[in-house]
Amino acid sequence: MGGSPDGFAYAVRRNGSVVITHHGRPATTLRGAAAARFLAEVEQGDQQGLMARVTGNYRRGNERVARHHPRNRHR
């Protein structure tokens, strides 16, 4: 459980937009300044973490706490 994000890939289109996929399915498309910013950052570090952050598909750290909340307990 947890771990680092995986399964992300990206492709740059001829028009300059960037399509980010997660396990082969389109997750988001970046255009203009956002695409340029992404391309500048993707070469610098953790590509999978960056793509997870950009798509909003990442763990927020509160899953374990929320599971034990009385509202979420099943009898």
PDB file of N, CA and C in Angstrom:
ATOM      1  N   MET A   1       0.842  -1.172   0.000  1.00  0.00           N
ATOM      2  CA  MET A   1       0.000   0.000   0.000  1.00  0.00           C
ATOM      3  C   MET A   1       0.886   1.234   0.000  1.00  0.00           C
ATOM      4  N   GLY A   2       0.451   2.296  -0.611  1.00  0.00           N
ATOM      5  CA  GLY A   2       1.264   3.505  -0.661  1.00  0.00           C
ATOM      6  C   GLY A   2       2.301   3.392  -1.745  1.00  0.00           C
ATOM      7  N   GLY A   3       3.511   3.758  -1.433  1.00  0.00           N
ATOM      8  CA  GLY A   3       4.573   3.677  -2.412  1.00  0.00           C
ATOM      9  C   GLY A   3       4.582   4.863  -3.346  1.00  0.00           C
ATOM     10  N   SER A   4       5.454   4.767  -4.311  1.00  0.00           N
ATOM     11  CA  SER A   4       5.575   5.867  -5.263  1.00  0.00           C
ATOM     12  C   SER A   4       4.605   5.666  -6.423  1.00  0.00           C
ATOM     13  N   PRO A   5       4.204   6.762  -7.054  1.00  0.00           N
ATOM     14  CA  PRO A   5       3.281   6.650  -8.183  1.00  0.00           C
ATOM     15  C   PRO A   5       3.959   5.971  -9.360  1.00  0.00           C
ATOM     16  N   ASP A   6       3.180   5.238 -10.146  1.00  0.00           N
ATOM     17  CA  ASP A   6       3.708   4.629 -11.356  1.00  0.00           C
ATOM     18  C   ASP A   6       2.595   4.514 -12.385  1.00  0.00           C
ATOM     19  N   GLY A   7       2.956   4.164 -13.595  1.00  0.00           N
ATOM     20  CA  GLY A   7       1.980   3.979 -14.651  1.00  0.00           C
ATOM     21  C   GLY A   7       1.704   5.223 -15.469  1.00  0.00           C
ATOM     22  N   PHE A   8       2.418   6.308 -15.205  1.00  0.00           N
ATOM     23  CA  PHE A   8       2.210   7.544 -15.953  1.00  0.00           C
ATOM     24  C   PHE A   8       3.146   7.602 -17.150  1.00  0.00           C
ATOM     25  N   ALA A   9       2.669   8.225 -18.216  1.00  0.00           N
ATOM     26  CA  ALA A   9       3.477   8.486 -19.401  1.00  0.00           C
ATOM     27  C   ALA A   9       2.989   9.794 -20.005  1.00  0.00           C
ATOM     28  N   TYR A  10       3.834  10.404 -20.824  1.00  0.00           N
ATOM     29  CA  TYR A  10       3.396  11.637 -21.479  1.00  0.00           C
ATOM     30  C   TYR A  10       3.865  11.643 -22.919  1.00  0.00           C
ATOM     31  N   ALA A  11       3.128  12.384 -23.737  1.00  0.00           N
ATOM     32  CA  ALA A  11       3.479  12.537 -25.145  1.00  0.00           C
ATOM     33  C   ALA A  11       3.289  14.002 -25.519  1.00  0.00           C
ATOM     34  N   VAL A  12       4.246  14.512 -26.294  1.00  0.00           N
ATOM     35  CA  VAL A  12       4.176  15.896 -26.762  1.00  0.00           C
ATOM     36  C   VAL A  12       3.604  15.867 -28.173  1.00  0.00           C
ATOM     37  N   ARG A  13       2.548  16.621 -28.389  1.00  0.00           N
ATOM     38  CA  ARG A  13       1.934  16.690 -29.717  1.00  0.00           C
ATOM     39  C   ARG A  13       2.593  17.787 -30.545  1.00  0.00           C
ATOM     40  N   ARG A  14       2.342  17.755 -31.843  1.00  0.00           N
ATOM     41  CA  ARG A  14       2.939  18.751 -32.748  1.00  0.00           C
ATOM     42  C   ARG A  14       2.518  20.173 -32.416  1.00  0.00           C
ATOM     43  N   ASN A  15       1.311  20.350 -31.884  1.00  0.00           N
ATOM     44  CA  ASN A  15       0.838  21.695 -31.567  1.00  0.00           C
ATOM     45  C   ASN A  15       1.394  22.219 -30.240  1.00  0.00           C
ATOM     46  N   GLY A  16       2.248  21.435 -29.575  1.00  0.00           N
ATOM     47  CA  GLY A  16       2.868  21.868 -28.329  1.00  0.00           C
ATOM     48  C   GLY A  16       2.151  21.416 -27.080  1.00  0.00           C
ATOM     49  N   SER A  17       0.966  20.810 -27.213  1.00  0.00           N
ATOM     50  CA  SER A  17       0.258  20.329 -26.031  1.00  0.00           C
ATOM     51  C   SER A  17       0.895  19.023 -25.545  1.00  0.00           C
ATOM     52  N   VAL A  18       0.689  18.724 -24.282  1.00  0.00           N
ATOM     53  CA  VAL A  18       1.238  17.528 -23.660  1.00  0.00           C
ATOM     54  C   VAL A  18       0.081  16.700 -23.133  1.00  0.00           C
ATOM     55  N   VAL A  19       0.019  15.446 -23.541  1.00  0.00           N
ATOM     56  CA  VAL A  19      -1.020  14.537 -23.066  1.00  0.00           C
ATOM     57  C   VAL A  19      -0.390  13.599 -22.047  1.00  0.00           C
ATOM     58  N   ILE A  20      -0.945  13.570 -20.850  1.00  0.00           N
ATOM     59  CA  ILE A  20      -0.459  12.679 -19.795  1.00  0.00           C
ATOM     60  C   ILE A  20      -1.456  11.540 -19.660  1.00  0.00           C
ATOM     61  N   THR A  21      -0.938  10.307 -19.704  1.00  0.00           N
ATOM     62  CA  THR A  21      -1.788   9.128 -19.559  1.00  0.00           C
ATOM     63  C   THR A  21      -1.416   8.385 -18.282  1.00  0.00           C
ATOM     64  N   HIS A  22      -2.380   7.645 -17.764  1.00  0.00           N
ATOM     65  CA  HIS A  22      -2.158   6.811 -16.584  1.00  0.00           C
ATOM     66  C   HIS A  22      -2.641   5.416 -16.934  1.00  0.00           C
ATOM     67  N   HIS A  23      -1.731   4.464 -16.978  1.00  0.00           N
ATOM     68  CA  HIS A  23      -2.015   3.096 -17.395  1.00  0.00           C
ATOM     69  C   HIS A  23      -2.715   3.071 -18.750  1.00  0.00           C
ATOM     70  N   GLY A  24      -2.236   3.907 -19.678  1.00  0.00           N
ATOM     71  CA  GLY A  24      -2.736   3.913 -21.036  1.00  0.00           C
ATOM     72  C   GLY A  24      -3.993   4.731 -21.283  1.00  0.00           C
ATOM     73  N   ARG A  25      -4.586   5.271 -20.242  1.00  0.00           N
ATOM     74  CA  ARG A  25      -5.800   6.067 -20.394  1.00  0.00           C
ATOM     75  C   ARG A  25      -5.472   7.542 -20.202  1.00  0.00           C
ATOM     76  N   PRO A  26      -6.022   8.414 -21.044  1.00  0.00           N
ATOM     77  CA  PRO A  26      -5.743   9.843 -20.917  1.00  0.00           C
ATOM     78  C   PRO A  26      -6.155  10.376 -19.541  1.00  0.00           C
ATOM     79  N   ALA A  27      -5.252  11.059 -18.880  1.00  0.00           N
ATOM     80  CA  ALA A  27      -5.538  11.631 -17.565  1.00  0.00           C
ATOM     81  C   ALA A  27      -5.743  13.134 -17.661  1.00  0.00           C
ATOM     82  N   THR A  28      -4.915  13.814 -18.455  1.00  0.00           N
ATOM     83  CA  THR A  28      -5.053  15.258 -18.624  1.00  0.00           C
ATOM     84  C   THR A  28      -4.277  15.707 -19.851  1.00  0.00           C
ATOM     85  N   THR A  29      -4.627  16.886 -20.329  1.00  0.00           N
ATOM     86  CA  THR A  29      -3.915  17.517 -21.439  1.00  0.00           C
ATOM     87  C   THR A  29      -3.486  18.904 -20.997  1.00  0.00           C
ATOM     88  N   LEU A  30      -2.218  19.198 -21.170  1.00  0.00           N
ATOM     89  CA  LEU A  30      -1.676  20.509 -20.815  1.00  0.00           C
ATOM     90  C   LEU A  30      -1.414  21.291 -22.086  1.00  0.00           C
ATOM     91  N   ARG A  31      -1.762  22.573 -22.063  1.00  0.00           N
ATOM     92  CA  ARG A  31      -1.552  23.433 -23.229  1.00  0.00           C
ATOM     93  C   ARG A  31      -0.870  24.728 -22.798  1.00  0.00           C
ATOM     94  N   GLY A  32      -0.230  25.378 -23.741  1.00  0.00           N
ATOM     95  CA  GLY A  32       0.343  26.702 -23.509  1.00  0.00           C
ATOM     96  C   GLY A  32       1.410  26.728 -22.443  1.00  0.00           C
ATOM     97  N   ALA A  33       1.278  27.687 -21.522  1.00  0.00           N
ATOM     98  CA  ALA A  33       2.283  27.890 -20.478  1.00  0.00           C
ATOM     99  C   ALA A  33       2.392  26.686 -19.549  1.00  0.00           C
ATOM    100  N   ALA A  34       1.264  26.036 -19.273  1.00  0.00           N
ATOM    101  CA  ALA A  34       1.294  24.861 -18.392  1.00  0.00           C
ATOM    102  C   ALA A  34       2.105  23.735 -19.027  1.00  0.00           C
ATOM    103  N   ALA A  35       1.957  23.543 -20.328  1.00  0.00           N
ATOM    104  CA  ALA A  35       2.727  22.512 -21.031  1.00  0.00           C
ATOM    105  C   ALA A  35       4.214  22.851 -21.024  1.00  0.00           C
ATOM    106  N   ALA A  36       4.554  24.105 -21.266  1.00  0.00           N
ATOM    107  CA  ALA A  36       5.956  24.521 -21.261  1.00  0.00           C
ATOM    108  C   ALA A  36       6.574  24.346 -19.881  1.00  0.00           C
ATOM    109  N   ARG A  37       5.834  24.703 -18.832  1.00  0.00           N
ATOM    110  CA  ARG A  37       6.316  24.559 -17.459  1.00  0.00           C
ATOM    111  C   ARG A  37       6.539  23.076 -17.134  1.00  0.00           C
ATOM    112  N   PHE A  38       5.584  22.229 -17.557  1.00  0.00           N
ATOM    113  CA  PHE A  38       5.701  20.797 -17.317  1.00  0.00           C
ATOM    114  C   PHE A  38       6.942  20.231 -17.999  1.00  0.00           C
ATOM    115  N   LEU A  39       7.153  20.581 -19.254  1.00  0.00           N
ATOM    116  CA  LEU A  39       8.310  20.061 -19.994  1.00  0.00           C
ATOM    117  C   LEU A  39       9.630  20.510 -19.383  1.00  0.00           C
ATOM    118  N   ALA A  40       9.661  21.705 -18.816  1.00  0.00           N
ATOM    119  CA  ALA A  40      10.877  22.179 -18.156  1.00  0.00           C
ATOM    120  C   ALA A  40      11.133  21.414 -16.861  1.00  0.00           C
ATOM    121  N   GLU A  41      10.071  21.084 -16.131  1.00  0.00           N
ATOM    122  CA  GLU A  41      10.217  20.399 -14.841  1.00  0.00           C
ATOM    123  C   GLU A  41      10.427  18.898 -14.980  1.00  0.00           C
ATOM    124  N   VAL A  42       9.878  18.289 -16.023  1.00  0.00           N
ATOM    125  CA  VAL A  42       9.912  16.832 -16.136  1.00  0.00           C
ATOM    126  C   VAL A  42      11.333  16.296 -16.304  1.00  0.00           C
ATOM    127  N   GLU A  43      12.228  17.086 -16.854  1.00  0.00           N
ATOM    128  CA  GLU A  43      13.603  16.639 -17.051  1.00  0.00           C
ATOM    129  C   GLU A  43      14.451  16.755 -15.790  1.00  0.00           C
ATOM    130  N   GLN A  44      13.963  17.438 -14.777  1.00  0.00           N
ATOM    131  CA  GLN A  44      14.774  17.725 -13.599  1.00  0.00           C
ATOM    132  C   GLN A  44      14.702  16.693 -12.488  1.00  0.00           C
ATOM    133  N   GLY A  45      13.632  15.917 -12.405  1.00  0.00           N
ATOM    134  CA  GLY A  45      13.539  15.040 -11.243  1.00  0.00           C
ATOM    135  C   GLY A  45      12.602  13.874 -11.450  1.00  0.00           C
ATOM    136  N   ASP A  46      11.811  13.620 -10.453  1.00  0.00           N
ATOM    137  CA  ASP A  46      10.903  12.485 -10.413  1.00  0.00           C
ATOM    138  C   ASP A  46       9.755  12.681 -11.403  1.00  0.00           C
ATOM    139  N   GLN A  47       9.843  12.047 -12.550  1.00  0.00           N
ATOM    140  CA  GLN A  47       8.822  12.206 -13.582  1.00  0.00           C
ATOM    141  C   GLN A  47       7.472  11.674 -13.133  1.00  0.00           C
ATOM    142  N   GLN A  48       7.449  10.494 -12.513  1.00  0.00           N
ATOM    143  CA  GLN A  48       6.183   9.895 -12.089  1.00  0.00           C
ATOM    144  C   GLN A  48       5.496  10.755 -11.032  1.00  0.00           C
ATOM    145  N   GLY A  49       6.258  11.268 -10.086  1.00  0.00           N
ATOM    146  CA  GLY A  49       5.695  12.129  -9.044  1.00  0.00           C
ATOM    147  C   GLY A  49       5.141  13.426  -9.612  1.00  0.00           C
ATOM    148  N   LEU A  50       5.852  13.996 -10.563  1.00  0.00           N
ATOM    149  CA  LEU A  50       5.395  15.228 -11.196  1.00  0.00           C
ATOM    150  C   LEU A  50       4.089  14.992 -11.948  1.00  0.00           C
ATOM    151  N   MET A  51       4.017  13.911 -12.714  1.00  0.00           N
ATOM    152  CA  MET A  51       2.796  13.630 -13.468  1.00  0.00           C
ATOM    153  C   MET A  51       1.629  13.322 -12.538  1.00  0.00           C
ATOM    154  N   ALA A  52       1.883  12.649 -11.428  1.00  0.00           N
ATOM    155  CA  ALA A  52       0.822  12.395 -10.455  1.00  0.00           C
ATOM    156  C   ALA A  52       0.315  13.703  -9.872  1.00  0.00           C
ATOM    157  N   ARG A  53       1.229  14.608  -9.565  1.00  0.00           N
ATOM    158  CA  ARG A  53       0.851  15.903  -9.000  1.00  0.00           C
ATOM    159  C   ARG A  53       0.049  16.730 -10.005  1.00  0.00           C
ATOM    160  N   VAL A  54       0.485  16.741 -11.257  1.00  0.00           N
ATOM    161  CA  VAL A  54      -0.187  17.533 -12.288  1.00  0.00           C
ATOM    162  C   VAL A  54      -1.598  17.008 -12.550  1.00  0.00           C
ATOM    163  N   THR A  55      -1.769  15.693 -12.531  1.00  0.00           N
ATOM    164  CA  THR A  55      -3.084  15.115 -12.811  1.00  0.00           C
ATOM    165  C   THR A  55      -3.978  15.087 -11.581  1.00  0.00           C
ATOM    166  N   GLY A  56      -3.402  15.310 -10.403  1.00  0.00           N
ATOM    167  CA  GLY A  56      -4.206  15.244  -9.182  1.00  0.00           C
ATOM    168  C   GLY A  56      -4.376  13.831  -8.677  1.00  0.00           C
ATOM    169  N   ASN A  57      -3.653  12.887  -9.256  1.00  0.00           N
ATOM    170  CA  ASN A  57      -3.780  11.486  -8.888  1.00  0.00           C
ATOM    171  C   ASN A  57      -2.620  11.096  -7.968  1.00  0.00           C
ATOM    172  N   TYR A  58      -2.712  11.513  -6.726  1.00  0.00           N
ATOM    173  CA  TYR A  58      -1.674  11.176  -5.768  1.00  0.00           C
ATOM    174  C   TYR A  58      -2.296  11.063  -4.385  1.00  0.00           C
ATOM    175  N   ARG A  59      -1.638  10.368  -3.511  1.00  0.00           N
ATOM    176  CA  ARG A  59      -2.142  10.195  -2.147  1.00  0.00           C
ATOM    177  C   ARG A  59      -1.941  11.469  -1.350  1.00  0.00           C
ATOM    178  N   ARG A  60      -2.926  11.781  -0.573  1.00  0.00           N
ATOM    179  CA  ARG A  60      -2.888  13.017   0.195  1.00  0.00           C
ATOM    180  C   ARG A  60      -2.460  12.793   1.643  1.00  0.00           C
ATOM    181  N   GLY A  61      -2.274  11.538   2.024  1.00  0.00           N
ATOM    182  CA  GLY A  61      -1.780  11.227   3.354  1.00  0.00           C
ATOM    183  C   GLY A  61      -2.853  11.095   4.419  1.00  0.00           C
ATOM    184  N   ASN A  62      -4.114  11.293   4.057  1.00  0.00           N
ATOM    185  CA  ASN A  62      -5.155  11.230   5.074  1.00  0.00           C
ATOM    186  C   ASN A  62      -6.028   9.983   4.947  1.00  0.00           C
ATOM    187  N   GLU A  63      -5.669   9.037   4.078  1.00  0.00           N
ATOM    188  CA  GLU A  63      -6.518   7.881   3.858  1.00  0.00           C
ATOM    189  C   GLU A  63      -6.659   7.019   5.121  1.00  0.00           C
ATOM    190  N   ARG A  64      -5.557   6.808   5.818  1.00  0.00           N
ATOM    191  CA  ARG A  64      -5.606   5.961   6.998  1.00  0.00           C
ATOM    192  C   ARG A  64      -6.438   6.611   8.098  1.00  0.00           C
ATOM    193  N   VAL A  65      -6.283   7.907   8.287  1.00  0.00           N
ATOM    194  CA  VAL A  65      -7.042   8.635   9.304  1.00  0.00           C
ATOM    195  C   VAL A  65      -8.522   8.614   8.957  1.00  0.00           C
ATOM    196  N   ALA A  66      -8.857   8.839   7.707  1.00  0.00           N
ATOM    197  CA  ALA A  66     -10.260   8.872   7.285  1.00  0.00           C
ATOM    198  C   ALA A  66     -10.914   7.506   7.432  1.00  0.00           C
ATOM    199  N   ARG A  67     -10.166   6.444   7.250  1.00  0.00           N
ATOM    200  CA  ARG A  67     -10.725   5.099   7.364  1.00  0.00           C
ATOM    201  C   ARG A  67     -11.228   4.833   8.779  1.00  0.00           C
ATOM    202  N   HIS A  68     -10.588   5.425   9.780  1.00  0.00           N
ATOM    203  CA  HIS A  68     -10.958   5.178  11.165  1.00  0.00           C
ATOM    204  C   HIS A  68     -11.956   6.187  11.718  1.00  0.00           C
ATOM    205  N   HIS A  69     -12.393   7.113  10.914  1.00  0.00           N
ATOM    206  CA  HIS A  69     -13.389   8.091  11.356  1.00  0.00           C
ATOM    207  C   HIS A  69     -14.719   7.359  11.588  1.00  0.00           C
ATOM    208  N   PRO A  70     -15.460   7.701  12.669  1.00  0.00           N
ATOM    209  CA  PRO A  70     -16.719   7.012  12.961  1.00  0.00           C
ATOM    210  C   PRO A  70     -17.709   6.983  11.783  1.00  0.00           C
ATOM    211  N   ARG A  71     -17.721   8.008  10.984  1.00  0.00           N
ATOM    212  CA  ARG A  71     -18.639   8.050   9.851  1.00  0.00           C
ATOM    213  C   ARG A  71     -18.301   6.972   8.820  1.00  0.00           C
ATOM    214  N   ASN A  72     -17.045   6.584   8.742  1.00  0.00           N
ATOM    215  CA  ASN A  72     -16.617   5.640   7.720  1.00  0.00           C
ATOM    216  C   ASN A  72     -16.471   4.208   8.229  1.00  0.00           C
ATOM    217  N   ARG A  73     -16.787   3.963   9.477  1.00  0.00           N
ATOM    218  CA  ARG A  73     -16.686   2.612  10.012  1.00  0.00           C
ATOM    219  C   ARG A  73     -17.929   1.820   9.650  1.00  0.00           C
ATOM    220  N   HIS A  74     -17.697   0.589   9.261  1.00  0.00           N
ATOM    221  CA  HIS A  74     -18.812  -0.314   8.949  1.00  0.00           C
ATOM    222  C   HIS A  74     -18.960  -1.302  10.089  1.00  0.00           C
ATOM    223  N   ARG A  75     -20.159  -1.591  10.443  1.00  0.00           N
ATOM    224  CA  ARG A  75     -20.392  -2.488  11.591  1.00  0.00           C
ATOM    225  C   ARG A  75     -20.330  -3.921  11.223  1.00  0.00           C
TER     226      ARG A  75
END
